[in-house]
Amino acid sequence: MIKIGKYKLNTKQQFLDKVDALGTAIDEDGNEYPTHEHVIVELGHEVLEDAVYGVNEETGEFELISEAVFSDKYLVDILWRNLEEDEDGIIDHPYGWKSYSVEVEENGMHSFLGLDYQSLKF
């Protein structure tokens, strides 16, 4: 069974800590690797306002008029694989993720290989 979750976390470090809590191990060369099967896509900071570009009337050059504005929140999409059902047969977000879950229309800005978020969300 797979589920898709979309999350808005407070910081990238919070995201990294939560991913580490999903399980990691160290190989014989000292490299850390995940022990879970989930597919995680970091979308980064949400764009609140797009950058604006235009032509400088004096020089005729194309230039940046105003910088993009980004949220301080960190966006992540996760394709959860093989989550266990609770005693009532319900599959829910892993511990600590649900409170950062967000709802989006349609598939949002990202989808997993064309999988439909609306039919696979929690």
C-alpha atoms as a PDB file:
ATOM      1  CA  MET A   1       0.000   0.000   0.000  1.00  0.00           C
ATOM      2  CA  ILE A   2       1.236   3.476  -0.824  1.00  0.00           C
ATOM      3  CA  LYS A   3       0.130   6.882   0.416  1.00  0.00           C
ATOM      4  CA  ILE A   4       1.219  10.367  -0.562  1.00  0.00           C
ATOM      5  CA  GLY A   5       1.811  13.130   1.949  1.00  0.00           C
ATOM      6  CA  LYS A   6       2.596  16.779   1.340  1.00  0.00           C
ATOM      7  CA  TYR A   7       4.228  18.669   4.198  1.00  0.00           C
ATOM      8  CA  LYS A   8       5.171  22.191   5.201  1.00  0.00           C
ATOM      9  CA  LEU A   9       7.870  22.062   7.863  1.00  0.00           C
ATOM     10  CA  ASN A  10       9.367  24.910   9.867  1.00  0.00           C
ATOM     11  CA  THR A  11      12.950  24.495   8.641  1.00  0.00           C
ATOM     12  CA  LYS A  12      15.110  22.277   6.467  1.00  0.00           C
ATOM     13  CA  GLN A  13      16.892  21.058   9.600  1.00  0.00           C
ATOM     14  CA  GLN A  14      13.560  19.961  11.081  1.00  0.00           C
ATOM     15  CA  PHE A  15      12.923  18.015   7.874  1.00  0.00           C
ATOM     16  CA  LEU A  16      16.371  16.376   8.035  1.00  0.00           C
ATOM     17  CA  ASP A  17      15.826  15.392  11.663  1.00  0.00           C
ATOM     18  CA  LYS A  18      12.434  13.871  10.863  1.00  0.00           C
ATOM     19  CA  VAL A  19      13.873  11.887   7.959  1.00  0.00           C
ATOM     20  CA  ASP A  20      16.680  10.581  10.179  1.00  0.00           C
ATOM     21  CA  ALA A  21      14.038   9.458  12.693  1.00  0.00           C
ATOM     22  CA  LEU A  22      12.495   7.246   9.981  1.00  0.00           C
ATOM     23  CA  GLY A  23      15.572   5.051  10.255  1.00  0.00           C
ATOM     24  CA  THR A  24      19.179   5.026   9.112  1.00  0.00           C
ATOM     25  CA  ALA A  25      22.127   2.679   9.263  1.00  0.00           C
ATOM     26  CA  ILE A  26      25.869   2.950   8.635  1.00  0.00           C
ATOM     27  CA  ASP A  27      27.602   0.826   6.005  1.00  0.00           C
ATOM     28  CA  GLU A  28      31.088  -0.690   6.316  1.00  0.00           C
ATOM     29  CA  ASP A  29      32.616   2.478   4.815  1.00  0.00           C
ATOM     30  CA  GLY A  30      30.989   4.727   7.412  1.00  0.00           C
ATOM     31  CA  ASN A  31      28.315   6.108   5.064  1.00  0.00           C
ATOM     32  CA  GLU A  32      24.846   6.692   6.466  1.00  0.00           C
ATOM     33  CA  TYR A  33      21.879   5.421   4.415  1.00  0.00           C
ATOM     34  CA  PRO A  34      18.102   5.221   4.955  1.00  0.00           C
ATOM     35  CA  THR A  35      16.576   1.953   6.145  1.00  0.00           C
ATOM     36  CA  HIS A  36      13.057   2.897   5.010  1.00  0.00           C
ATOM     37  CA  GLU A  37      11.488   2.494   1.550  1.00  0.00           C
ATOM     38  CA  HIS A  38       9.809   5.897   1.304  1.00  0.00           C
ATOM     39  CA  VAL A  39      10.449   8.238  -1.625  1.00  0.00           C
ATOM     40  CA  ILE A  40      11.182  11.774  -0.442  1.00  0.00           C
ATOM     41  CA  VAL A  41      11.218  14.851  -2.668  1.00  0.00           C
ATOM     42  CA  GLU A  42      12.458  18.141  -1.231  1.00  0.00           C
ATOM     43  CA  LEU A  43      10.646  21.023  -2.899  1.00  0.00           C
ATOM     44  CA  GLY A  44      12.381  23.646  -0.783  1.00  0.00           C
ATOM     45  CA  HIS A  45      11.030  27.008   0.236  1.00  0.00           C
ATOM     46  CA  GLU A  46       7.665  27.982  -1.210  1.00  0.00           C
ATOM     47  CA  VAL A  47       7.681  30.905  -3.636  1.00  0.00           C
ATOM     48  CA  LEU A  48       5.312  33.590  -2.349  1.00  0.00           C
ATOM     49  CA  GLU A  49       6.068  36.138  -5.079  1.00  0.00           C
ATOM     50  CA  ASP A  50       7.801  35.431  -8.380  1.00  0.00           C
ATOM     51  CA  ALA A  51      10.812  37.439  -9.460  1.00  0.00           C
ATOM     52  CA  VAL A  52       9.959  40.183 -11.933  1.00  0.00           C
ATOM     53  CA  TYR A  53      12.081  40.833 -15.017  1.00  0.00           C
ATOM     54  CA  GLY A  54      11.809  43.582 -17.585  1.00  0.00           C
ATOM     55  CA  VAL A  55      13.676  45.629 -20.145  1.00  0.00           C
ATOM     56  CA  ASN A  56      15.674  48.586 -18.880  1.00  0.00           C
ATOM     57  CA  GLU A  57      14.450  51.545 -20.952  1.00  0.00           C
ATOM     58  CA  GLU A  58      17.844  53.269 -20.864  1.00  0.00           C
ATOM     59  CA  THR A  59      20.046  50.335 -21.838  1.00  0.00           C
ATOM     60  CA  GLY A  60      17.571  48.035 -23.594  1.00  0.00           C
ATOM     61  CA  GLU A  61      18.943  45.196 -21.447  1.00  0.00           C
ATOM     62  CA  PHE A  62      16.731  42.540 -19.873  1.00  0.00           C
ATOM     63  CA  GLU A  63      17.160  42.791 -16.091  1.00  0.00           C
ATOM     64  CA  LEU A  64      15.827  41.754 -12.725  1.00  0.00           C
ATOM     65  CA  ILE A  65      13.344  44.295 -11.385  1.00  0.00           C
ATOM     66  CA  SER A  66      12.444  42.583  -8.119  1.00  0.00           C
ATOM     67  CA  GLU A  67      13.698  39.440  -6.391  1.00  0.00           C
ATOM     68  CA  ALA A  68      11.481  36.452  -5.706  1.00  0.00           C
ATOM     69  CA  VAL A  69      10.057  36.265  -2.183  1.00  0.00           C
ATOM     70  CA  PHE A  70      10.210  32.895  -0.445  1.00  0.00           C
ATOM     71  CA  SER A  71       8.391  31.518   2.581  1.00  0.00           C
ATOM     72  CA  ASP A  72      10.471  30.420   5.540  1.00  0.00           C
ATOM     73  CA  LYS A  73       8.573  27.088   5.483  1.00  0.00           C
ATOM     74  CA  TYR A  74      10.198  24.034   3.867  1.00  0.00           C
ATOM     75  CA  LEU A  75       8.045  21.965   1.483  1.00  0.00           C
ATOM     76  CA  VAL A  76       8.416  18.203   1.075  1.00  0.00           C
ATOM     77  CA  ASP A  77       6.429  15.498  -0.725  1.00  0.00           C
ATOM     78  CA  ILE A  78       6.682  11.902   0.430  1.00  0.00           C
ATOM     79  CA  LEU A  79       5.519   8.705  -1.225  1.00  0.00           C
ATOM     80  CA  TRP A  80       5.050   6.488   1.817  1.00  0.00           C
ATOM     81  CA  ARG A  81       5.539   2.784   1.155  1.00  0.00           C
ATOM     82  CA  ASN A  82       4.549  -0.175   3.293  1.00  0.00           C
ATOM     83  CA  LEU A  83       3.158   1.717   6.276  1.00  0.00           C
ATOM     84  CA  GLU A  84       1.465  -0.520   8.810  1.00  0.00           C
ATOM     85  CA  GLU A  85      -2.231  -0.335   9.627  1.00  0.00           C
ATOM     86  CA  ASP A  86      -3.269   0.419  13.191  1.00  0.00           C
ATOM     87  CA  GLU A  87      -5.561  -1.906  15.167  1.00  0.00           C
ATOM     88  CA  ASP A  88      -8.585  -0.370  13.384  1.00  0.00           C
ATOM     89  CA  GLY A  89      -7.112  -1.014   9.933  1.00  0.00           C
ATOM     90  CA  ILE A  90      -6.272   2.655   9.350  1.00  0.00           C
ATOM     91  CA  ILE A  91      -3.030   3.798   7.755  1.00  0.00           C
ATOM     92  CA  ASP A  92      -1.875   7.185   9.013  1.00  0.00           C
ATOM     93  CA  HIS A  93       1.179   9.431   8.775  1.00  0.00           C
ATOM     94  CA  PRO A  94       4.238   8.181  10.641  1.00  0.00           C
ATOM     95  CA  TYR A  95       4.698   9.660  14.105  1.00  0.00           C
ATOM     96  CA  GLY A  96       5.427  13.390  14.061  1.00  0.00           C
ATOM     97  CA  TRP A  97       4.488  14.055  10.426  1.00  0.00           C
ATOM     98  CA  LYS A  98       0.717  14.545  10.545  1.00  0.00           C
ATOM     99  CA  SER A  99       0.804  17.984  12.178  1.00  0.00           C
ATOM    100  CA  TYR A 100       2.888  19.289   9.237  1.00  0.00           C
ATOM    101  CA  SER A 101       0.642  17.779   6.558  1.00  0.00           C
ATOM    102  CA  VAL A 102      -1.015  20.175   4.112  1.00  0.00           C
ATOM    103  CA  GLU A 103      -3.870  19.771   1.663  1.00  0.00           C
ATOM    104  CA  VAL A 104      -3.411  20.908  -1.919  1.00  0.00           C
ATOM    105  CA  GLU A 105      -5.717  21.148  -4.900  1.00  0.00           C
ATOM    106  CA  GLU A 106      -5.286  18.505  -7.566  1.00  0.00           C
ATOM    107  CA  ASN A 107      -1.657  17.302  -7.388  1.00  0.00           C
ATOM    108  CA  GLY A 108      -0.016  20.527  -6.299  1.00  0.00           C
ATOM    109  CA  MET A 109       3.314  21.595  -7.789  1.00  0.00           C
ATOM    110  CA  HIS A 110       4.745  18.068  -7.848  1.00  0.00           C
ATOM    111  CA  SER A 111       3.527  14.527  -8.511  1.00  0.00           C
ATOM    112  CA  PHE A 112       5.092  11.076  -8.292  1.00  0.00           C
ATOM    113  CA  LEU A 113       5.306   9.524 -11.764  1.00  0.00           C
ATOM    114  CA  GLY A 114       1.775  10.640 -12.538  1.00  0.00           C
ATOM    115  CA  LEU A 115       0.251   9.079  -9.405  1.00  0.00           C
ATOM    116  CA  ASP A 116      -2.853  10.958  -8.310  1.00  0.00           C
ATOM    117  CA  TYR A 117      -2.353  12.675  -4.965  1.00  0.00           C
ATOM    118  CA  GLN A 118      -6.077  13.071  -4.362  1.00  0.00           C
ATOM    119  CA  SER A 119      -6.697   9.316  -4.557  1.00  0.00           C
ATOM    120  CA  LEU A 120      -3.587   8.349  -2.541  1.00  0.00           C
ATOM    121  CA  LYS A 121      -3.526  11.002   0.185  1.00  0.00           C
ATOM    122  CA  PHE A 122      -4.148  10.117   3.835  1.00  0.00           C
END
